[in-house]
Amino acid sequence: MGNLNNLVVEVQGVTFQFSESSMNQQWYRFLKMRPALRDVAFDGEGARANEIDLRFADRVIVRGRG
């Protein structure tokens, strides 16, 4: 069983995972990294990500469909 304190949100087919601590900081970390993710599309263009994991400190883990 997963951690019931984590938050999982799906937006336009992309699942975002947040840990229970400092979700605002986790989202800000993603927003800072998003421009570097040029090959990953969140709007239907290019390679498609299906999961963004923000639960781990100082990391943005992107998992694609494959």
C-alpha atoms as a PDB file:
ATOM      1  CA  MET A   1       0.000   0.000   0.000  1.00  0.00           C
ATOM      2  CA  GLY A   2       1.275   3.498  -0.812  1.00  0.00           C
ATOM      3  CA  ASN A   3       1.609   6.410   1.556  1.00  0.00           C
ATOM      4  CA  LEU A   4      -1.884   7.752   2.203  1.00  0.00           C
ATOM      5  CA  ASN A   5      -0.439  11.213   2.903  1.00  0.00           C
ATOM      6  CA  ASN A   6       0.811  11.642  -0.668  1.00  0.00           C
ATOM      7  CA  LEU A   7      -1.283  13.549  -3.181  1.00  0.00           C
ATOM      8  CA  VAL A   8      -1.825  12.268  -6.716  1.00  0.00           C
ATOM      9  CA  VAL A   9      -3.366  14.604  -9.295  1.00  0.00           C
ATOM     10  CA  GLU A  10      -4.139  13.926 -12.954  1.00  0.00           C
ATOM     11  CA  VAL A  11      -4.209  16.830 -15.413  1.00  0.00           C
ATOM     12  CA  GLN A  12      -4.728  16.276 -19.149  1.00  0.00           C
ATOM     13  CA  GLY A  13      -3.540  12.680 -18.904  1.00  0.00           C
ATOM     14  CA  VAL A  14      -0.419  13.484 -16.864  1.00  0.00           C
ATOM     15  CA  THR A  15      -0.223  12.182 -13.292  1.00  0.00           C
ATOM     16  CA  PHE A  16       1.579  14.379 -10.760  1.00  0.00           C
ATOM     17  CA  GLN A  17       2.724  12.842  -7.478  1.00  0.00           C
ATOM     18  CA  PHE A  18       3.410  15.023  -4.437  1.00  0.00           C
ATOM     19  CA  SER A  19       4.644  14.057  -0.987  1.00  0.00           C
ATOM     20  CA  GLU A  20       2.887  15.331   2.102  1.00  0.00           C
ATOM     21  CA  SER A  21       5.506  17.960   2.860  1.00  0.00           C
ATOM     22  CA  SER A  22       5.676  21.318   1.134  1.00  0.00           C
ATOM     23  CA  MET A  23       3.574  20.714  -1.951  1.00  0.00           C
ATOM     24  CA  ASN A  24       3.994  24.353  -2.968  1.00  0.00           C
ATOM     25  CA  GLN A  25       7.774  23.924  -3.116  1.00  0.00           C
ATOM     26  CA  GLN A  26       7.396  20.715  -5.096  1.00  0.00           C
ATOM     27  CA  TRP A  27       5.160  22.430  -7.666  1.00  0.00           C
ATOM     28  CA  TYR A  28       7.551  25.393  -7.894  1.00  0.00           C
ATOM     29  CA  ARG A  29      10.431  22.943  -8.518  1.00  0.00           C
ATOM     30  CA  PHE A  30       8.477  21.465 -11.437  1.00  0.00           C
ATOM     31  CA  LEU A  31       7.708  24.902 -12.863  1.00  0.00           C
ATOM     32  CA  LYS A  32      11.410  25.831 -12.701  1.00  0.00           C
ATOM     33  CA  MET A  33      12.388  22.604 -14.488  1.00  0.00           C
ATOM     34  CA  ARG A  34       9.648  22.630 -17.112  1.00  0.00           C
ATOM     35  CA  PRO A  35      11.568  24.770 -19.657  1.00  0.00           C
ATOM     36  CA  ALA A  36      14.411  22.224 -19.522  1.00  0.00           C
ATOM     37  CA  LEU A  37      11.979  19.465 -20.460  1.00  0.00           C
ATOM     38  CA  ARG A  38      11.886  20.487 -24.118  1.00  0.00           C
ATOM     39  CA  ASP A  39      11.416  16.934 -25.380  1.00  0.00           C
ATOM     40  CA  VAL A  40       8.466  16.270 -23.101  1.00  0.00           C
ATOM     41  CA  ALA A  41       5.044  17.517 -24.079  1.00  0.00           C
ATOM     42  CA  PHE A  42       2.292  18.323 -21.655  1.00  0.00           C
ATOM     43  CA  ASP A  43      -0.085  19.549 -24.351  1.00  0.00           C
ATOM     44  CA  GLY A  44      -0.162  16.687 -26.846  1.00  0.00           C
ATOM     45  CA  GLU A  45       2.847  17.711 -28.960  1.00  0.00           C
ATOM     46  CA  GLY A  46       6.065  15.666 -29.090  1.00  0.00           C
ATOM     47  CA  ALA A  47       7.016  12.919 -26.661  1.00  0.00           C
ATOM     48  CA  ARG A  48       4.322  12.511 -24.075  1.00  0.00           C
ATOM     49  CA  ALA A  49       4.947  12.312 -20.345  1.00  0.00           C
ATOM     50  CA  ASN A  50       2.442  10.360 -18.349  1.00  0.00           C
ATOM     51  CA  GLU A  51       3.864  10.799 -14.847  1.00  0.00           C
ATOM     52  CA  ILE A  52       5.716  13.561 -13.002  1.00  0.00           C
ATOM     53  CA  ASP A  53       6.977  12.481  -9.593  1.00  0.00           C
ATOM     54  CA  LEU A  54       7.840  15.350  -7.244  1.00  0.00           C
ATOM     55  CA  ARG A  55       7.993  13.378  -3.998  1.00  0.00           C
ATOM     56  CA  PHE A  56      11.779  13.362  -3.671  1.00  0.00           C
ATOM     57  CA  ALA A  57      13.858  16.350  -2.569  1.00  0.00           C
ATOM     58  CA  ASP A  58      15.606  18.278  -5.338  1.00  0.00           C
ATOM     59  CA  ARG A  59      14.317  15.940  -8.065  1.00  0.00           C
ATOM     60  CA  VAL A  60      11.737  15.964 -10.804  1.00  0.00           C
ATOM     61  CA  ILE A  61      11.219  12.456 -12.145  1.00  0.00           C
ATOM     62  CA  VAL A  62       9.522  12.272 -15.548  1.00  0.00           C
ATOM     63  CA  ARG A  63       8.164   8.977 -16.804  1.00  0.00           C
ATOM     64  CA  GLY A  64       6.986   8.717 -20.373  1.00  0.00           C
ATOM     65  CA  ARG A  65       4.640   6.456 -22.198  1.00  0.00           C
ATOM     66  CA  GLY A  66       6.385   3.671 -23.883  1.00  0.00           C
END
